[in-house]
Amino acid sequence: MKKIISTNKAPLPIGPYNQAVKVGNTLYTSGQIALHPETGELITNNIGDETKQVMENMKAVLEAAEMDFSDVVKTSIFISDMENFAQINKVYGTYFDEETAPARETVEVANLPKYVNVEISMIAIK
């Protein structure tokens, strides 16, 4: 059975999608960007802060599904400039234990919503 996951602790959807969908014990999240959920402000002053806001948004979505980063099995990272990879990876890595980190891909794209620099989506299983 499909269950819609929603929290006001992460940016609310602005289109025909949900923050996450849980099917059985598997959670599929939509991509998160660095929108502050309370102010609606984009956090793009530097790539480290931007990545941290994305991960905090994702943390809120996981928590709404009664999960955490240890349950994540796959991430997809979309970035506007591969030159930012090391800084994004440094912040991203603080949310996972290296031994149990999920599978992932990182892809440079031509553009992202609201012209942000990073967007991340996840699949988690509990």
PDB file of N, CA and C in Angstrom:
ATOM      1  N   MET A   1       0.828  -1.186   0.000  1.00  0.00           N
ATOM      2  CA  MET A   1       0.000   0.000   0.000  1.00  0.00           C
ATOM      3  C   MET A   1       0.874   1.253   0.000  1.00  0.00           C
ATOM      4  N   LYS A   2       0.478   2.231  -0.765  1.00  0.00           N
ATOM      5  CA  LYS A   2       1.216   3.478  -0.901  1.00  0.00           C
ATOM      6  C   LYS A   2       0.774   4.467   0.183  1.00  0.00           C
ATOM      7  N   LYS A   3       1.782   5.056   0.882  1.00  0.00           N
ATOM      8  CA  LYS A   3       1.496   6.051   1.916  1.00  0.00           C
ATOM      9  C   LYS A   3       2.278   7.323   1.588  1.00  0.00           C
ATOM     10  N   ILE A   4       1.597   8.452   1.561  1.00  0.00           N
ATOM     11  CA  ILE A   4       2.248   9.735   1.296  1.00  0.00           C
ATOM     12  C   ILE A   4       2.879  10.245   2.579  1.00  0.00           C
ATOM     13  N   ILE A   5       4.144  10.660   2.493  1.00  0.00           N
ATOM     14  CA  ILE A   5       4.873  11.212   3.633  1.00  0.00           C
ATOM     15  C   ILE A   5       4.994  12.715   3.434  1.00  0.00           C
ATOM     16  N   SER A   6       4.641  13.464   4.473  1.00  0.00           N
ATOM     17  CA  SER A   6       4.690  14.915   4.387  1.00  0.00           C
ATOM     18  C   SER A   6       5.070  15.505   5.743  1.00  0.00           C
ATOM     19  N   THR A   7       5.873  16.563   5.709  1.00  0.00           N
ATOM     20  CA  THR A   7       6.251  17.267   6.928  1.00  0.00           C
ATOM     21  C   THR A   7       6.449  18.740   6.617  1.00  0.00           C
ATOM     22  N   ASN A   8       6.078  19.587   7.558  1.00  0.00           N
ATOM     23  CA  ASN A   8       6.326  21.017   7.380  1.00  0.00           C
ATOM     24  C   ASN A   8       7.738  21.392   7.823  1.00  0.00           C
ATOM     25  N   LYS A   9       8.535  20.400   8.221  1.00  0.00           N
ATOM     26  CA  LYS A   9       9.931  20.633   8.604  1.00  0.00           C
ATOM     27  C   LYS A   9      10.875  20.560   7.406  1.00  0.00           C
ATOM     28  N   ALA A  10      10.298  20.350   6.228  1.00  0.00           N
ATOM     29  CA  ALA A  10      11.032  20.377   4.960  1.00  0.00           C
ATOM     30  C   ALA A  10      10.171  21.196   3.998  1.00  0.00           C
ATOM     31  N   PRO A  11      10.773  21.735   2.938  1.00  0.00           N
ATOM     32  CA  PRO A  11       9.991  22.532   1.988  1.00  0.00           C
ATOM     33  C   PRO A  11       8.808  21.741   1.432  1.00  0.00           C
ATOM     34  N   LEU A  12       7.653  22.382   1.405  1.00  0.00           N
ATOM     35  CA  LEU A  12       6.465  21.730   0.870  1.00  0.00           C
ATOM     36  C   LEU A  12       6.522  21.703  -0.651  1.00  0.00           C
ATOM     37  N   PRO A  13       5.949  20.688  -1.277  1.00  0.00           N
ATOM     38  CA  PRO A  13       5.948  20.595  -2.739  1.00  0.00           C
ATOM     39  C   PRO A  13       5.277  21.803  -3.382  1.00  0.00           C
ATOM     40  N   ILE A  14       5.774  22.185  -4.537  1.00  0.00           N
ATOM     41  CA  ILE A  14       5.191  23.303  -5.278  1.00  0.00           C
ATOM     42  C   ILE A  14       4.629  22.833  -6.618  1.00  0.00           C
ATOM     43  N   GLY A  15       4.328  21.560  -6.692  1.00  0.00           N
ATOM     44  CA  GLY A  15       3.797  20.986  -7.923  1.00  0.00           C
ATOM     45  C   GLY A  15       3.096  19.677  -7.615  1.00  0.00           C
ATOM     46  N   PRO A  16       2.782  18.909  -8.639  1.00  0.00           N
ATOM     47  CA  PRO A  16       2.063  17.645  -8.463  1.00  0.00           C
ATOM     48  C   PRO A  16       2.991  16.494  -8.052  1.00  0.00           C
ATOM     49  N   TYR A  17       3.566  16.627  -6.872  1.00  0.00           N
ATOM     50  CA  TYR A  17       4.423  15.574  -6.315  1.00  0.00           C
ATOM     51  C   TYR A  17       4.375  15.679  -4.798  1.00  0.00           C
ATOM     52  N   ASN A  18       4.920  14.695  -4.109  1.00  0.00           N
ATOM     53  CA  ASN A  18       4.975  14.679  -2.652  1.00  0.00           C
ATOM     54  C   ASN A  18       6.432  14.631  -2.193  1.00  0.00           C
ATOM     55  N   GLN A  19       6.648  14.985  -0.937  1.00  0.00           N
ATOM     56  CA  GLN A  19       8.007  14.941  -0.399  1.00  0.00           C
ATOM     57  C   GLN A  19       8.560  13.524  -0.441  1.00  0.00           C
ATOM     58  N   ALA A  20       7.696  12.550  -0.166  1.00  0.00           N
ATOM     59  CA  ALA A  20       8.125  11.151  -0.208  1.00  0.00           C
ATOM     60  C   ALA A  20       6.899  10.253  -0.298  1.00  0.00           C
ATOM     61  N   VAL A  21       7.134   9.048  -0.787  1.00  0.00           N
ATOM     62  CA  VAL A  21       6.105   8.021  -0.853  1.00  0.00           C
ATOM     63  C   VAL A  21       6.698   6.755  -0.259  1.00  0.00           C
ATOM     64  N   LYS A  22       5.946   6.149   0.657  1.00  0.00           N
ATOM     65  CA  LYS A  22       6.392   4.901   1.285  1.00  0.00           C
ATOM     66  C   LYS A  22       5.510   3.772   0.765  1.00  0.00           C
ATOM     67  N   VAL A  23       6.155   2.728   0.265  1.00  0.00           N
ATOM     68  CA  VAL A  23       5.469   1.536  -0.203  1.00  0.00           C
ATOM     69  C   VAL A  23       6.045   0.370   0.583  1.00  0.00           C
ATOM     70  N   GLY A  24       5.221  -0.236   1.416  1.00  0.00           N
ATOM     71  CA  GLY A  24       5.721  -1.287   2.300  1.00  0.00           C
ATOM     72  C   GLY A  24       6.763  -0.692   3.222  1.00  0.00           C
ATOM     73  N   ASN A  25       7.957  -1.260   3.214  1.00  0.00           N
ATOM     74  CA  ASN A  25       9.039  -0.750   4.068  1.00  0.00           C
ATOM     75  C   ASN A  25      10.056   0.092   3.288  1.00  0.00           C
ATOM     76  N   THR A  26       9.696   0.491   2.063  1.00  0.00           N
ATOM     77  CA  THR A  26      10.603   1.260   1.217  1.00  0.00           C
ATOM     78  C   THR A  26      10.093   2.690   1.044  1.00  0.00           C
ATOM     79  N   LEU A  27      10.995   3.651   1.244  1.00  0.00           N
ATOM     80  CA  LEU A  27      10.680   5.062   1.110  1.00  0.00           C
ATOM     81  C   LEU A  27      11.388   5.625  -0.121  1.00  0.00           C
ATOM     82  N   TYR A  28      10.644   6.321  -0.947  1.00  0.00           N
ATOM     83  CA  TYR A  28      11.180   7.004  -2.122  1.00  0.00           C
ATOM     84  C   TYR A  28      10.989   8.501  -1.895  1.00  0.00           C
ATOM     85  N   THR A  29      12.076   9.254  -1.826  1.00  0.00           N
ATOM     86  CA  THR A  29      11.941  10.691  -1.593  1.00  0.00           C
ATOM     87  C   THR A  29      12.032  11.454  -2.911  1.00  0.00           C
ATOM     88  N   SER A  30      11.388  12.601  -2.919  1.00  0.00           N
ATOM     89  CA  SER A  30      11.601  13.546  -4.010  1.00  0.00           C
ATOM     90  C   SER A  30      12.921  14.247  -3.752  1.00  0.00           C
ATOM     91  N   GLY A  31      13.461  14.873  -4.763  1.00  0.00           N
ATOM     92  CA  GLY A  31      14.691  15.633  -4.585  1.00  0.00           C
ATOM     93  C   GLY A  31      14.471  16.823  -3.669  1.00  0.00           C
ATOM     94  N   GLN A  32      15.455  17.083  -2.835  1.00  0.00           N
ATOM     95  CA  GLN A  32      15.422  18.245  -1.949  1.00  0.00           C
ATOM     96  C   GLN A  32      16.478  19.234  -2.405  1.00  0.00           C
ATOM     97  N   ILE A  33      16.100  20.506  -2.357  1.00  0.00           N
ATOM     98  CA  ILE A  33      17.047  21.584  -2.618  1.00  0.00           C
ATOM     99  C   ILE A  33      17.179  22.400  -1.332  1.00  0.00           C
ATOM    100  N   ALA A  34      17.998  23.433  -1.355  1.00  0.00           N
ATOM    101  CA  ALA A  34      18.329  24.179  -0.138  1.00  0.00           C
ATOM    102  C   ALA A  34      17.331  25.289   0.178  1.00  0.00           C
ATOM    103  N   LEU A  35      16.058  24.953   0.187  1.00  0.00           N
ATOM    104  CA  LEU A  35      15.035  25.893   0.634  1.00  0.00           C
ATOM    105  C   LEU A  35      14.861  25.727   2.137  1.00  0.00           C
ATOM    106  N   HIS A  36      14.937  26.827   2.871  1.00  0.00           N
ATOM    107  CA  HIS A  36      14.691  26.765   4.307  1.00  0.00           C
ATOM    108  C   HIS A  36      13.190  26.575   4.505  1.00  0.00           C
ATOM    109  N   PRO A  37      12.761  25.537   5.231  1.00  0.00           N
ATOM    110  CA  PRO A  37      11.335  25.228   5.320  1.00  0.00           C
ATOM    111  C   PRO A  37      10.499  26.286   6.029  1.00  0.00           C
ATOM    112  N   GLU A  38      11.081  27.041   6.937  1.00  0.00           N
ATOM    113  CA  GLU A  38      10.307  28.044   7.681  1.00  0.00           C
ATOM    114  C   GLU A  38      10.222  29.375   6.945  1.00  0.00           C
ATOM    115  N   THR A  39      11.293  29.762   6.279  1.00  0.00           N
ATOM    116  CA  THR A  39      11.330  31.087   5.644  1.00  0.00           C
ATOM    117  C   THR A  39      11.105  31.046   4.136  1.00  0.00           C
ATOM    118  N   GLY A  40      11.302  29.874   3.531  1.00  0.00           N
ATOM    119  CA  GLY A  40      11.216  29.769   2.083  1.00  0.00           C
ATOM    120  C   GLY A  40      12.431  30.340   1.372  1.00  0.00           C
ATOM    121  N   GLU A  41      13.421  30.764   2.169  1.00  0.00           N
ATOM    122  CA  GLU A  41      14.647  31.352   1.621  1.00  0.00           C
ATOM    123  C   GLU A  41      15.554  30.271   1.051  1.00  0.00           C
ATOM    124  N   LEU A  42      16.136  30.558  -0.117  1.00  0.00           N
ATOM    125  CA  LEU A  42      17.146  29.669  -0.683  1.00  0.00           C
ATOM    126  C   LEU A  42      18.473  29.927   0.021  1.00  0.00           C
ATOM    127  N   ILE A  43      19.126  28.864   0.443  1.00  0.00           N
ATOM    128  CA  ILE A  43      20.435  28.968   1.093  1.00  0.00           C
ATOM    129  C   ILE A  43      21.488  28.648   0.043  1.00  0.00           C
ATOM    130  N   THR A  44      22.044  29.684  -0.573  1.00  0.00           N
ATOM    131  CA  THR A  44      23.024  29.470  -1.645  1.00  0.00           C
ATOM    132  C   THR A  44      24.258  30.343  -1.476  1.00  0.00           C
ATOM    133  N   ASN A  45      24.507  30.823  -0.237  1.00  0.00           N
ATOM    134  CA  ASN A  45      25.663  31.698  -0.020  1.00  0.00           C
ATOM    135  C   ASN A  45      26.986  30.966  -0.246  1.00  0.00           C
ATOM    136  N   ASN A  46      27.033  29.666   0.047  1.00  0.00           N
ATOM    137  CA  ASN A  46      28.193  28.847  -0.302  1.00  0.00           C
ATOM    138  C   ASN A  46      27.744  27.395  -0.413  1.00  0.00           C
ATOM    139  N   ILE A  47      28.503  26.591  -1.122  1.00  0.00           N
ATOM    140  CA  ILE A  47      28.081  25.222  -1.429  1.00  0.00           C
ATOM    141  C   ILE A  47      28.006  24.348  -0.180  1.00  0.00           C
ATOM    142  N   GLY A  48      28.829  24.620   0.831  1.00  0.00           N
ATOM    143  CA  GLY A  48      28.764  23.855   2.075  1.00  0.00           C
ATOM    144  C   GLY A  48      27.447  24.080   2.797  1.00  0.00           C
ATOM    145  N   ASP A  49      27.058  25.347   2.965  1.00  0.00           N
ATOM    146  CA  ASP A  49      25.793  25.665   3.627  1.00  0.00           C
ATOM    147  C   ASP A  49      24.604  25.165   2.810  1.00  0.00           C
ATOM    148  N   GLU A  50      24.719  25.280   1.496  1.00  0.00           N
ATOM    149  CA  GLU A  50      23.638  24.811   0.628  1.00  0.00           C
ATOM    150  C   GLU A  50      23.442  23.305   0.782  1.00  0.00           C
ATOM    151  N   THR A  51      24.530  22.554   0.770  1.00  0.00           N
ATOM    152  CA  THR A  51      24.446  21.095   0.919  1.00  0.00           C
ATOM    153  C   THR A  51      23.904  20.733   2.286  1.00  0.00           C
ATOM    154  N   LYS A  52      24.334  21.428   3.323  1.00  0.00           N
ATOM    155  CA  LYS A  52      23.836  21.157   4.683  1.00  0.00           C
ATOM    156  C   LYS A  52      22.324  21.359   4.748  1.00  0.00           C
ATOM    157  N   GLN A  53      21.798  22.412   4.136  1.00  0.00           N
ATOM    158  CA  GLN A  53      20.350  22.639   4.158  1.00  0.00           C
ATOM    159  C   GLN A  53      19.613  21.532   3.411  1.00  0.00           C
ATOM    160  N   VAL A  54      20.167  21.089   2.289  1.00  0.00           N
ATOM    161  CA  VAL A  54      19.568  19.975   1.554  1.00  0.00           C
ATOM    162  C   VAL A  54      19.506  18.741   2.449  1.00  0.00           C
ATOM    163  N   MET A  55      20.594  18.433   3.124  1.00  0.00           N
ATOM    164  CA  MET A  55      20.640  17.243   3.974  1.00  0.00           C
ATOM    165  C   MET A  55      19.720  17.386   5.191  1.00  0.00           C
ATOM    166  N   GLU A  56      19.602  18.580   5.733  1.00  0.00           N
ATOM    167  CA  GLU A  56      18.684  18.796   6.853  1.00  0.00           C
ATOM    168  C   GLU A  56      17.234  18.636   6.395  1.00  0.00           C
ATOM    169  N   ASN A  57      16.932  19.099   5.197  1.00  0.00           N
ATOM    170  CA  ASN A  57      15.595  18.888   4.638  1.00  0.00           C
ATOM    171  C   ASN A  57      15.324  17.400   4.460  1.00  0.00           C
ATOM    172  N   MET A  58      16.322  16.690   3.958  1.00  0.00           N
ATOM    173  CA  MET A  58      16.158  15.254   3.764  1.00  0.00           C
ATOM    174  C   MET A  58      16.001  14.538   5.104  1.00  0.00           C
ATOM    175  N   LYS A  59      16.744  14.979   6.104  1.00  0.00           N
ATOM    176  CA  LYS A  59      16.623  14.407   7.454  1.00  0.00           C
ATOM    177  C   LYS A  59      15.191  14.543   7.954  1.00  0.00           C
ATOM    178  N   ALA A  60      14.571  15.700   7.738  1.00  0.00           N
ATOM    179  CA  ALA A  60      13.192  15.933   8.175  1.00  0.00           C
ATOM    180  C   ALA A  60      12.216  14.998   7.467  1.00  0.00           C
ATOM    181  N   VAL A  61      12.430  14.767   6.184  1.00  0.00           N
ATOM    182  CA  VAL A  61      11.566  13.859   5.428  1.00  0.00           C
ATOM    183  C   VAL A  61      11.736  12.431   5.940  1.00  0.00           C
ATOM    184  N   LEU A  62      12.970  12.014   6.159  1.00  0.00           N
ATOM    185  CA  LEU A  62      13.219  10.675   6.700  1.00  0.00           C
ATOM    186  C   LEU A  62      12.554  10.514   8.059  1.00  0.00           C
ATOM    187  N   GLU A  63      12.694  11.509   8.923  1.00  0.00           N
ATOM    188  CA  GLU A  63      12.093  11.432  10.256  1.00  0.00           C
ATOM    189  C   GLU A  63      10.573  11.359  10.183  1.00  0.00           C
ATOM    190  N   ALA A  64       9.976  12.052   9.227  1.00  0.00           N
ATOM    191  CA  ALA A  64       8.524  12.001   9.060  1.00  0.00           C
ATOM    192  C   ALA A  64       8.062  10.589   8.700  1.00  0.00           C
ATOM    193  N   ALA A  65       8.963   9.817   8.097  1.00  0.00           N
ATOM    194  CA  ALA A  65       8.671   8.425   7.738  1.00  0.00           C
ATOM    195  C   ALA A  65       9.181   7.456   8.805  1.00  0.00           C
ATOM    196  N   GLU A  66       9.591   8.006   9.962  1.00  0.00           N
ATOM    197  CA  GLU A  66      10.150   7.210  11.068  1.00  0.00           C
ATOM    198  C   GLU A  66      11.393   6.437  10.623  1.00  0.00           C
ATOM    199  N   MET A  67      12.244   7.148   9.874  1.00  0.00           N
ATOM    200  CA  MET A  67      13.509   6.591   9.395  1.00  0.00           C
ATOM    201  C   MET A  67      14.620   7.585   9.674  1.00  0.00           C
ATOM    202  N   ASP A  68      15.862   7.155   9.403  1.00  0.00           N
ATOM    203  CA  ASP A  68      17.007   8.055   9.504  1.00  0.00           C
ATOM    204  C   ASP A  68      18.023   7.663   8.427  1.00  0.00           C
ATOM    205  N   PHE A  69      19.158   8.342   8.443  1.00  0.00           N
ATOM    206  CA  PHE A  69      20.147   8.114   7.384  1.00  0.00           C
ATOM    207  C   PHE A  69      20.700   6.693   7.367  1.00  0.00           C
ATOM    208  N   SER A  70      20.627   5.989   8.479  1.00  0.00           N
ATOM    209  CA  SER A  70      21.108   4.602   8.497  1.00  0.00           C
ATOM    210  C   SER A  70      20.207   3.686   7.667  1.00  0.00           C
ATOM    211  N   ASP A  71      18.999   4.130   7.363  1.00  0.00           N
ATOM    212  CA  ASP A  71      18.064   3.337   6.555  1.00  0.00           C
ATOM    213  C   ASP A  71      18.209   3.593   5.057  1.00  0.00           C
ATOM    214  N   VAL A  72      18.993   4.595   4.684  1.00  0.00           N
ATOM    215  CA  VAL A  72      19.135   4.964   3.271  1.00  0.00           C
ATOM    216  C   VAL A  72      20.009   3.940   2.548  1.00  0.00           C
ATOM    217  N   VAL A  73      19.491   3.449   1.415  1.00  0.00           N
ATOM    218  CA  VAL A  73      20.236   2.456   0.630  1.00  0.00           C
ATOM    219  C   VAL A  73      20.740   3.019  -0.693  1.00  0.00           C
ATOM    220  N   LYS A  74      20.170   4.153  -1.143  1.00  0.00           N
ATOM    221  CA  LYS A  74      20.561   4.728  -2.436  1.00  0.00           C
ATOM    222  C   LYS A  74      20.322   6.226  -2.421  1.00  0.00           C
ATOM    223  N   THR A  75      21.280   6.980  -2.910  1.00  0.00           N
ATOM    224  CA  THR A  75      21.096   8.419  -3.094  1.00  0.00           C
ATOM    225  C   THR A  75      21.450   8.796  -4.524  1.00  0.00           C
ATOM    226  N   SER A  76      20.804   9.848  -4.976  1.00  0.00           N
ATOM    227  CA  SER A  76      21.130  10.449  -6.267  1.00  0.00           C
ATOM    228  C   SER A  76      21.443  11.912  -5.996  1.00  0.00           C
ATOM    229  N   ILE A  77      22.607  12.339  -6.431  1.00  0.00           N
ATOM    230  CA  ILE A  77      23.040  13.719  -6.228  1.00  0.00           C
ATOM    231  C   ILE A  77      23.187  14.371  -7.601  1.00  0.00           C
ATOM    232  N   PHE A  78      22.496  15.474  -7.768  1.00  0.00           N
ATOM    233  CA  PHE A  78      22.563  16.239  -9.010  1.00  0.00           C
ATOM    234  C   PHE A  78      23.227  17.568  -8.684  1.00  0.00           C
ATOM    235  N   ILE A  79      24.292  17.893  -9.409  1.00  0.00           N
ATOM    236  CA  ILE A  79      25.024  19.128  -9.143  1.00  0.00           C
ATOM    237  C   ILE A  79      25.205  19.919 -10.439  1.00  0.00           C
ATOM    238  N   SER A  80      25.270  21.230 -10.283  1.00  0.00           N
ATOM    239  CA  SER A  80      25.390  22.097 -11.457  1.00  0.00           C
ATOM    240  C   SER A  80      26.835  22.266 -11.923  1.00  0.00           C
ATOM    241  N   ASP A  81      27.794  21.913 -11.054  1.00  0.00           N
ATOM    242  CA  ASP A  81      29.208  22.090 -11.392  1.00  0.00           C
ATOM    243  C   ASP A  81      30.029  21.037 -10.661  1.00  0.00           C
ATOM    244  N   MET A  82      30.648  20.137 -11.401  1.00  0.00           N
ATOM    245  CA  MET A  82      31.432  19.062 -10.806  1.00  0.00           C
ATOM    246  C   MET A  82      32.592  19.599  -9.971  1.00  0.00           C
ATOM    247  N   GLU A  83      32.969  20.843 -10.176  1.00  0.00           N
ATOM    248  CA  GLU A  83      34.016  21.460  -9.351  1.00  0.00           C
ATOM    249  C   GLU A  83      33.603  21.530  -7.880  1.00  0.00           C
ATOM    250  N   ASN A  84      32.302  21.485  -7.601  1.00  0.00           N
ATOM    251  CA  ASN A  84      31.793  21.530  -6.224  1.00  0.00           C
ATOM    252  C   ASN A  84      31.729  20.161  -5.566  1.00  0.00           C
ATOM    253  N   PHE A  85      32.074  19.113  -6.305  1.00  0.00           N
ATOM    254  CA  PHE A  85      31.916  17.743  -5.805  1.00  0.00           C
ATOM    255  C   PHE A  85      32.590  17.520  -4.451  1.00  0.00           C
ATOM    256  N   ALA A  86      33.823  17.922  -4.284  1.00  0.00           N
ATOM    257  CA  ALA A  86      34.553  17.653  -3.043  1.00  0.00           C
ATOM    258  C   ALA A  86      33.885  18.317  -1.840  1.00  0.00           C
ATOM    259  N   GLN A  87      33.436  19.551  -2.003  1.00  0.00           N
ATOM    260  CA  GLN A  87      32.782  20.244  -0.889  1.00  0.00           C
ATOM    261  C   GLN A  87      31.431  19.624  -0.566  1.00  0.00           C
ATOM    262  N   ILE A  88      30.673  19.258  -1.581  1.00  0.00           N
ATOM    263  CA  ILE A  88      29.384  18.593  -1.368  1.00  0.00           C
ATOM    264  C   ILE A  88      29.616  17.262  -0.671  1.00  0.00           C
ATOM    265  N   ASN A  89      30.570  16.504  -1.149  1.00  0.00           N
ATOM    266  CA  ASN A  89      30.881  15.193  -0.587  1.00  0.00           C
ATOM    267  C   ASN A  89      31.288  15.294   0.880  1.00  0.00           C
ATOM    268  N   LYS A  90      32.041  16.335   1.226  1.00  0.00           N
ATOM    269  CA  LYS A  90      32.492  16.525   2.607  1.00  0.00           C
ATOM    270  C   LYS A  90      31.295  16.699   3.550  1.00  0.00           C
ATOM    271  N   VAL A  91      30.340  17.545   3.174  1.00  0.00           N
ATOM    272  CA  VAL A  91      29.154  17.761   4.007  1.00  0.00           C
ATOM    273  C   VAL A  91      28.268  16.520   4.000  1.00  0.00           C
ATOM    274  N   TYR A  92      28.000  15.970   2.836  1.00  0.00           N
ATOM    275  CA  TYR A  92      27.179  14.762   2.680  1.00  0.00           C
ATOM    276  C   TYR A  92      27.718  13.641   3.570  1.00  0.00           C
ATOM    277  N   GLY A  93      29.027  13.471   3.584  1.00  0.00           N
ATOM    278  CA  GLY A  93      29.657  12.396   4.330  1.00  0.00           C
ATOM    279  C   GLY A  93      29.453  12.485   5.831  1.00  0.00           C
ATOM    280  N   THR A  94      29.175  13.664   6.358  1.00  0.00           N
ATOM    281  CA  THR A  94      28.958  13.791   7.808  1.00  0.00           C
ATOM    282  C   THR A  94      27.629  13.191   8.244  1.00  0.00           C
ATOM    283  N   TYR A  95      26.750  12.871   7.316  1.00  0.00           N
ATOM    284  CA  TYR A  95      25.435  12.320   7.643  1.00  0.00           C
ATOM    285  C   TYR A  95      25.397  10.793   7.587  1.00  0.00           C
ATOM    286  N   PHE A  96      26.487  10.173   7.155  1.00  0.00           N
ATOM    287  CA  PHE A  96      26.523   8.721   7.008  1.00  0.00           C
ATOM    288  C   PHE A  96      27.757   8.141   7.685  1.00  0.00           C
ATOM    289  N   ASP A  97      27.619   6.893   8.159  1.00  0.00           N
ATOM    290  CA  ASP A  97      28.780   6.127   8.603  1.00  0.00           C
ATOM    291  C   ASP A  97      29.401   5.510   7.357  1.00  0.00           C
ATOM    292  N   GLU A  98      30.695   5.651   7.207  1.00  0.00           N
ATOM    293  CA  GLU A  98      31.358   5.188   5.994  1.00  0.00           C
ATOM    294  C   GLU A  98      31.119   3.700   5.731  1.00  0.00           C
ATOM    295  N   GLU A  99      31.090   2.892   6.797  1.00  0.00           N
ATOM    296  CA  GLU A  99      30.933   1.441   6.637  1.00  0.00           C
ATOM    297  C   GLU A  99      29.555   1.057   6.101  1.00  0.00           C
ATOM    298  N   THR A 100      28.540   1.872   6.398  1.00  0.00           N
ATOM    299  CA  THR A 100      27.172   1.528   5.991  1.00  0.00           C
ATOM    300  C   THR A 100      26.577   2.560   5.041  1.00  0.00           C
ATOM    301  N   ALA A 101      27.411   3.390   4.455  1.00  0.00           N
ATOM    302  CA  ALA A 101      26.928   4.431   3.537  1.00  0.00           C
ATOM    303  C   ALA A 101      26.179   3.794   2.366  1.00  0.00           C
ATOM    304  N   PRO A 102      25.196   4.506   1.822  1.00  0.00           N
ATOM    305  CA  PRO A 102      24.402   3.944   0.721  1.00  0.00           C
ATOM    306  C   PRO A 102      25.149   3.963  -0.610  1.00  0.00           C
ATOM    307  N   ALA A 103      24.593   3.245  -1.563  1.00  0.00           N
ATOM    308  CA  ALA A 103      25.042   3.365  -2.947  1.00  0.00           C
ATOM    309  C   ALA A 103      24.611   4.741  -3.431  1.00  0.00           C
ATOM    310  N   ARG A 104      25.299   5.272  -4.446  1.00  0.00           N
ATOM    311  CA  ARG A 104      24.886   6.578  -4.960  1.00  0.00           C
ATOM    312  C   ARG A 104      25.488   6.840  -6.328  1.00  0.00           C
ATOM    313  N   GLU A 105      24.897   7.836  -6.988  1.00  0.00           N
ATOM    314  CA  GLU A 105      25.504   8.404  -8.179  1.00  0.00           C
ATOM    315  C   GLU A 105      25.495   9.908  -8.011  1.00  0.00           C
ATOM    316  N   THR A 106      26.475  10.546  -8.622  1.00  0.00           N
ATOM    317  CA  THR A 106      26.548  12.006  -8.638  1.00  0.00           C
ATOM    318  C   THR A 106      26.657  12.415 -10.100  1.00  0.00           C
ATOM    319  N   VAL A 107      25.738  13.282 -10.518  1.00  0.00           N
ATOM    320  CA  VAL A 107      25.643  13.645 -11.925  1.00  0.00           C
ATOM    321  C   VAL A 107      25.656  15.161 -12.054  1.00  0.00           C
ATOM    322  N   GLU A 108      26.495  15.661 -12.954  1.00  0.00           N
ATOM    323  CA  GLU A 108      26.456  17.087 -13.266  1.00  0.00           C
ATOM    324  C   GLU A 108      25.350  17.312 -14.296  1.00  0.00           C
ATOM    325  N   VAL A 109      24.517  18.326 -14.019  1.00  0.00           N
ATOM    326  CA  VAL A 109      23.400  18.638 -14.903  1.00  0.00           C
ATOM    327  C   VAL A 109      23.480  20.091 -15.354  1.00  0.00           C
ATOM    328  N   ALA A 110      22.775  20.415 -16.428  1.00  0.00           N
ATOM    329  CA  ALA A 110      22.816  21.774 -16.975  1.00  0.00           C
ATOM    330  C   ALA A 110      22.109  22.774 -16.075  1.00  0.00           C
ATOM    331  N   ASN A 111      21.037  22.332 -15.401  1.00  0.00           N
ATOM    332  CA  ASN A 111      20.273  23.233 -14.556  1.00  0.00           C
ATOM    333  C   ASN A 111      19.487  22.450 -13.531  1.00  0.00           C
ATOM    334  N   LEU A 112      19.155  23.111 -12.426  1.00  0.00           N
ATOM    335  CA  LEU A 112      18.351  22.525 -11.361  1.00  0.00           C
ATOM    336  C   LEU A 112      17.244  23.508 -10.996  1.00  0.00           C
ATOM    337  N   PRO A 113      16.196  23.032 -10.297  1.00  0.00           N
ATOM    338  CA  PRO A 113      15.116  23.936  -9.911  1.00  0.00           C
ATOM    339  C   PRO A 113      15.636  25.175  -9.178  1.00  0.00           C
ATOM    340  N   LYS A 114      15.077  26.316  -9.513  1.00  0.00           N
ATOM    341  CA  LYS A 114      15.436  27.605  -8.901  1.00  0.00           C
ATOM    342  C   LYS A 114      16.927  27.920  -9.077  1.00  0.00           C
ATOM    343  N   TYR A 115      17.568  27.240 -10.021  1.00  0.00           N
ATOM    344  CA  TYR A 115      18.983  27.462 -10.352  1.00  0.00           C
ATOM    345  C   TYR A 115      19.914  27.209  -9.160  1.00  0.00           C
ATOM    346  N   VAL A 116      19.538  26.233  -8.316  1.00  0.00           N
ATOM    347  CA  VAL A 116      20.396  25.865  -7.185  1.00  0.00           C
ATOM    348  C   VAL A 116      21.604  25.098  -7.693  1.00  0.00           C
ATOM    349  N   ASN A 117      22.511  24.791  -6.793  1.00  0.00           N
ATOM    350  CA  ASN A 117      23.749  24.095  -7.155  1.00  0.00           C
ATOM    351  C   ASN A 117      23.734  22.608  -6.858  1.00  0.00           C
ATOM    352  N   VAL A 118      22.785  22.162  -6.000  1.00  0.00           N
ATOM    353  CA  VAL A 118      22.736  20.742  -5.633  1.00  0.00           C
ATOM    354  C   VAL A 118      21.306  20.344  -5.292  1.00  0.00           C
ATOM    355  N   GLU A 119      20.952  19.133  -5.705  1.00  0.00           N
ATOM    356  CA  GLU A 119      19.666  18.513  -5.357  1.00  0.00           C
ATOM    357  C   GLU A 119      19.953  17.049  -5.050  1.00  0.00           C
ATOM    358  N   ILE A 120      19.324  16.538  -3.996  1.00  0.00           N
ATOM    359  CA  ILE A 120      19.577  15.159  -3.576  1.00  0.00           C
ATOM    360  C   ILE A 120      18.242  14.438  -3.341  1.00  0.00           C
ATOM    361  N   SER A 121      18.150  13.213  -3.828  1.00  0.00           N
ATOM    362  CA  SER A 121      17.000  12.337  -3.531  1.00  0.00           C
ATOM    363  C   SER A 121      17.536  11.035  -2.946  1.00  0.00           C
ATOM    364  N   MET A 122      16.650  10.303  -2.266  1.00  0.00           N
ATOM    365  CA  MET A 122      17.075   9.072  -1.581  1.00  0.00           C
ATOM    366  C   MET A 122      16.013   7.978  -1.658  1.00  0.00           C
ATOM    367  N   ILE A 123      16.491   6.762  -1.484  1.00  0.00           N
ATOM    368  CA  ILE A 123      15.636   5.589  -1.270  1.00  0.00           C
ATOM    369  C   ILE A 123      16.090   4.994   0.042  1.00  0.00           C
ATOM    370  N   ALA A 124      15.130   4.700   0.927  1.00  0.00           N
ATOM    371  CA  ALA A 124      15.454   4.127   2.233  1.00  0.00           C
ATOM    372  C   ALA A 124      14.566   2.919   2.483  1.00  0.00           C
ATOM    373  N   ILE A 125      15.089   1.970   3.242  1.00  0.00           N
ATOM    374  CA  ILE A 125      14.340   0.751   3.581  1.00  0.00           C
ATOM    375  C   ILE A 125      14.505   0.498   5.070  1.00  0.00           C
ATOM    376  N   LYS A 126      13.375   0.192   5.708  1.00  0.00           N
ATOM    377  CA  LYS A 126      13.426  -0.133   7.141  1.00  0.00           C
ATOM    378  C   LYS A 126      12.671  -1.415   7.401  1.00  0.00           C
TER     379      LYS A 126
END
